[in-house]
């Protein structure tokens, strides 16, 4: 593993082979970072959380305590933000973050985009199945369940204690 000297590791932290922990990262007590994971600069991961193999967490992300993130999930990539400038697509910088509450489980191969300006927020106790896409600026309320293959478009607000059926596509800005 490659661990930047400025990273702060709690007690009983385990980091697998080929993992990368960048500058300013804070890992709480009993955090497990699986083989091949990437944790970007200034990211905070709460006590008791576990990232399985090959999870990518971009910079400035907050993950709460006792979270479980399955393999090949990507958290904090840029959202799909572009403007048309006289027939040419121009990328809009994605300046927000992803904030994940406590006791959240995220399935394998799920992507959660960082917010464009505001943060993408996943509440406490949320469970998200495999292969879901959560776009920029989405807010998911506490204790919501999201089944496999769900696509949530940008700036969507989901309440608390909701159940989203598998393979649902939910339009954004609602």
Protein backbone atom coordinates (compact mmCIF):
# COMPACT_ATOMS: atom_id res chain seq x y z
CA UNK A 1 0.00 0.00 0.00
CA UNK A 2 0.99 3.63 -0.49
CA UNK A 3 -0.01 5.80 2.48
CA UNK A 4 0.78 9.53 2.47
CA UNK A 5 2.68 10.68 5.55
CA UNK A 6 -0.04 13.25 6.36
CA UNK A 7 -2.82 10.66 6.54
CA UNK A 8 -4.20 10.10 10.05
CA UNK A 9 -5.01 6.49 10.86
CA UNK A 10 -7.03 5.45 13.90
CA UNK A 11 -6.30 2.36 15.95
CA UNK A 12 -6.68 -1.12 14.45
CA UNK A 13 -6.88 0.17 10.86
CA UNK A 14 -6.22 -2.45 8.16
CA UNK A 15 -5.12 -1.46 4.66
CA UNK A 16 -4.82 -4.07 1.91
CA UNK A 17 -2.14 -4.45 -0.74
CA UNK A 18 -1.98 -1.94 -3.61
CA UNK A 19 -4.27 0.52 -1.82
CA UNK A 20 -3.50 4.24 -2.10
CA UNK A 21 -4.26 6.67 0.73
CA UNK A 22 -3.63 10.30 -0.29
CA UNK A 23 -2.71 13.38 1.76
CA UNK A 24 -4.96 14.65 4.51
CA UNK A 25 -7.06 11.47 4.70
CA UNK A 26 -8.52 10.63 8.11
CA UNK A 27 -9.42 6.99 8.84
CA UNK A 28 -11.31 6.29 12.07
CA UNK A 29 -10.68 3.38 14.41
CA UNK A 30 -11.25 -0.13 13.03
CA UNK A 31 -11.52 1.00 9.40
CA UNK A 32 -10.72 -1.63 6.77
CA UNK A 33 -9.50 -0.55 3.33
CA UNK A 34 -9.45 -3.48 0.89
CA UNK A 35 -6.86 -4.36 -1.71
CA UNK A 36 -6.58 -1.95 -4.60
CA UNK A 37 -8.71 0.81 -3.06
CA UNK A 38 -8.01 4.48 -3.75
CA UNK A 39 -8.87 7.09 -1.10
CA UNK A 40 -8.43 10.67 -2.36
CA UNK A 41 -7.01 13.63 -0.49
CA UNK A 42 -8.81 15.12 2.51
CA UNK A 43 -11.36 12.30 2.65
CA UNK A 44 -12.73 11.22 6.03
CA UNK A 45 -13.89 7.66 6.73
CA UNK A 46 -15.62 7.03 10.05
CA UNK A 47 -14.87 4.35 12.62
CA UNK A 48 -15.81 0.78 11.79
CA UNK A 49 -16.34 1.40 8.07
CA UNK A 50 -15.14 -1.09 5.47
CA UNK A 51 -14.28 -0.67 1.81
CA UNK A 52 -14.00 -3.95 -0.08
CA UNK A 53 -11.47 -4.39 -2.90
CA UNK A 54 -11.05 -1.82 -5.66
CA UNK A 55 -13.33 0.88 -4.27
CA UNK A 56 -12.48 4.40 -5.51
CA UNK A 57 -13.23 7.34 -3.23
CA UNK A 58 -12.32 10.69 -4.76
CA UNK A 59 -11.08 13.75 -2.84
CA UNK A 60 -12.94 15.62 -0.07
CA UNK A 61 -15.52 12.88 0.56
CA UNK A 62 -17.05 12.12 3.97
CA UNK A 63 -18.11 8.58 4.84
CA UNK A 64 -19.74 8.03 8.23
CA UNK A 65 -19.25 5.33 10.82
CA UNK A 66 -19.98 1.62 10.33
CA UNK A 67 -20.50 1.86 6.57
CA UNK A 68 -19.95 -1.05 4.17
CA UNK A 69 -18.98 -0.30 0.58
CA UNK A 70 -18.77 -3.24 -1.80
CA UNK A 71 -16.16 -3.82 -4.51
CA UNK A 72 -15.66 -1.57 -7.52
CA UNK A 73 -17.91 1.21 -6.25
CA UNK A 74 -16.91 4.76 -7.23
CA UNK A 75 -17.75 7.66 -4.92
CA UNK A 76 -17.18 11.29 -5.85
CA UNK A 77 -16.51 11.21 -9.58
CA UNK A 78 -17.64 14.27 -11.52
CA UNK A 79 -21.30 14.48 -12.38
CA UNK A 80 -22.41 14.82 -16.00
CA UNK A 81 -22.19 18.59 -16.16
CA UNK A 82 -21.69 20.26 -19.53
CA UNK A 83 -22.81 23.45 -21.24
CA UNK A 84 -23.17 23.94 -24.97
CA UNK A 85 -21.02 26.82 -26.19
CA UNK A 86 -21.87 27.44 -29.86
CA UNK A 87 -22.02 23.74 -30.68
CA UNK A 88 -19.14 22.63 -28.46
CA UNK A 89 -19.57 20.90 -25.13
CA UNK A 90 -17.74 22.61 -22.28
CA UNK A 91 -17.23 20.79 -18.99
CA UNK A 92 -18.70 22.49 -15.93
CA UNK A 93 -16.47 22.02 -12.87
CA UNK A 94 -18.10 19.83 -10.23
CA UNK A 95 -17.26 21.59 -6.95
CA UNK A 96 -19.51 19.77 -4.47
CA UNK A 97 -18.71 16.70 -2.43
CA UNK A 98 -20.37 13.43 -1.41
CA UNK A 99 -21.46 13.14 2.22
CA UNK A 100 -22.45 9.65 3.39
CA UNK A 101 -24.07 9.17 6.80
CA UNK A 102 -23.59 6.41 9.37
CA UNK A 103 -24.57 2.74 8.91
CA UNK A 104 -24.85 3.01 5.11
CA UNK A 105 -24.36 -0.02 2.85
CA UNK A 106 -23.52 0.47 -0.81
CA UNK A 107 -23.53 -2.44 -3.26
CA UNK A 108 -20.89 -3.40 -5.80
CA UNK A 109 -20.29 -1.36 -8.95
CA UNK A 110 -22.42 1.55 -7.77
CA UNK A 111 -21.46 5.12 -8.71
CA UNK A 112 -22.25 8.18 -6.63
CA UNK A 113 -21.32 11.48 -8.31
CA UNK A 114 -20.11 14.54 -6.44
CA UNK A 115 -22.36 17.57 -6.43
CA UNK A 116 -22.00 20.32 -9.00
CA UNK A 117 -22.15 23.12 -6.41
CA UNK A 118 -24.05 21.59 -3.50
CA UNK A 119 -23.18 18.20 -2.04
CA UNK A 120 -24.62 14.82 -2.95
CA UNK A 121 -25.94 13.47 0.38
CA UNK A 122 -26.73 9.90 1.44
CA UNK A 123 -28.51 9.85 4.82
CA UNK A 124 -27.99 7.57 7.82
CA UNK A 125 -29.05 3.94 7.52
CA UNK A 126 -29.48 4.02 3.73
CA UNK A 127 -29.00 0.74 1.85
CA UNK A 128 -28.14 0.79 -1.85
CA UNK A 129 -27.93 -2.39 -3.92
CA UNK A 130 -25.50 -3.22 -6.74
CA UNK A 131 -25.03 -1.30 -10.00
CA UNK A 132 -26.89 1.88 -9.09
CA UNK A 133 -26.13 5.34 -10.50
CA UNK A 134 -26.69 8.31 -8.19
CA UNK A 135 -26.09 11.56 -10.04
CA UNK A 136 -24.79 14.91 -8.82
CA UNK A 137 -26.66 16.80 -6.09
CA UNK A 138 -28.99 13.90 -5.22
CA UNK A 139 -30.16 13.79 -1.60
CA UNK A 140 -31.37 10.45 -0.18
CA UNK A 141 -33.12 10.62 3.20
CA UNK A 142 -32.37 8.42 6.20
CA UNK A 143 -33.20 4.70 6.15
CA UNK A 144 -34.18 4.58 2.48
CA UNK A 145 -33.69 1.32 0.54
CA UNK A 146 -32.59 1.42 -3.10
CA UNK A 147 -32.76 -1.89 -5.03
CA UNK A 148 -30.37 -2.96 -7.78
CA UNK A 149 -29.90 -1.13 -11.05
CA UNK A 150 -31.63 2.09 -10.01
CA UNK A 151 -30.68 5.29 -11.83
CA UNK A 152 -31.27 8.61 -10.09
CA UNK A 153 -30.81 11.70 -12.25
CA UNK A 154 -29.29 14.93 -10.97
CA UNK A 155 -30.65 17.06 -8.11
CA UNK A 156 -33.28 14.50 -7.11
CA UNK A 157 -34.54 14.61 -3.50
CA UNK A 158 -35.67 11.29 -1.96
CA UNK A 159 -37.34 11.36 1.45
CA UNK A 160 -36.75 9.24 4.54
CA UNK A 161 -37.88 5.60 4.81
CA UNK A 162 -38.54 5.26 1.06
CA UNK A 163 -38.24 2.03 -0.93
CA UNK A 164 -37.08 2.32 -4.55
CA UNK A 165 -37.77 -0.77 -6.70
CA UNK A 166 -35.10 -2.43 -8.81
CA UNK A 167 -34.22 -1.07 -12.26
CA UNK A 168 -36.19 2.14 -11.62
CA UNK A 169 -35.15 5.29 -13.45
CA UNK A 170 -36.04 8.50 -11.62
CA UNK A 171 -35.86 11.83 -13.43
CA UNK A 172 -33.90 14.58 -11.78
CA UNK A 173 -34.79 18.03 -10.48
CA UNK A 174 -37.87 16.69 -8.68
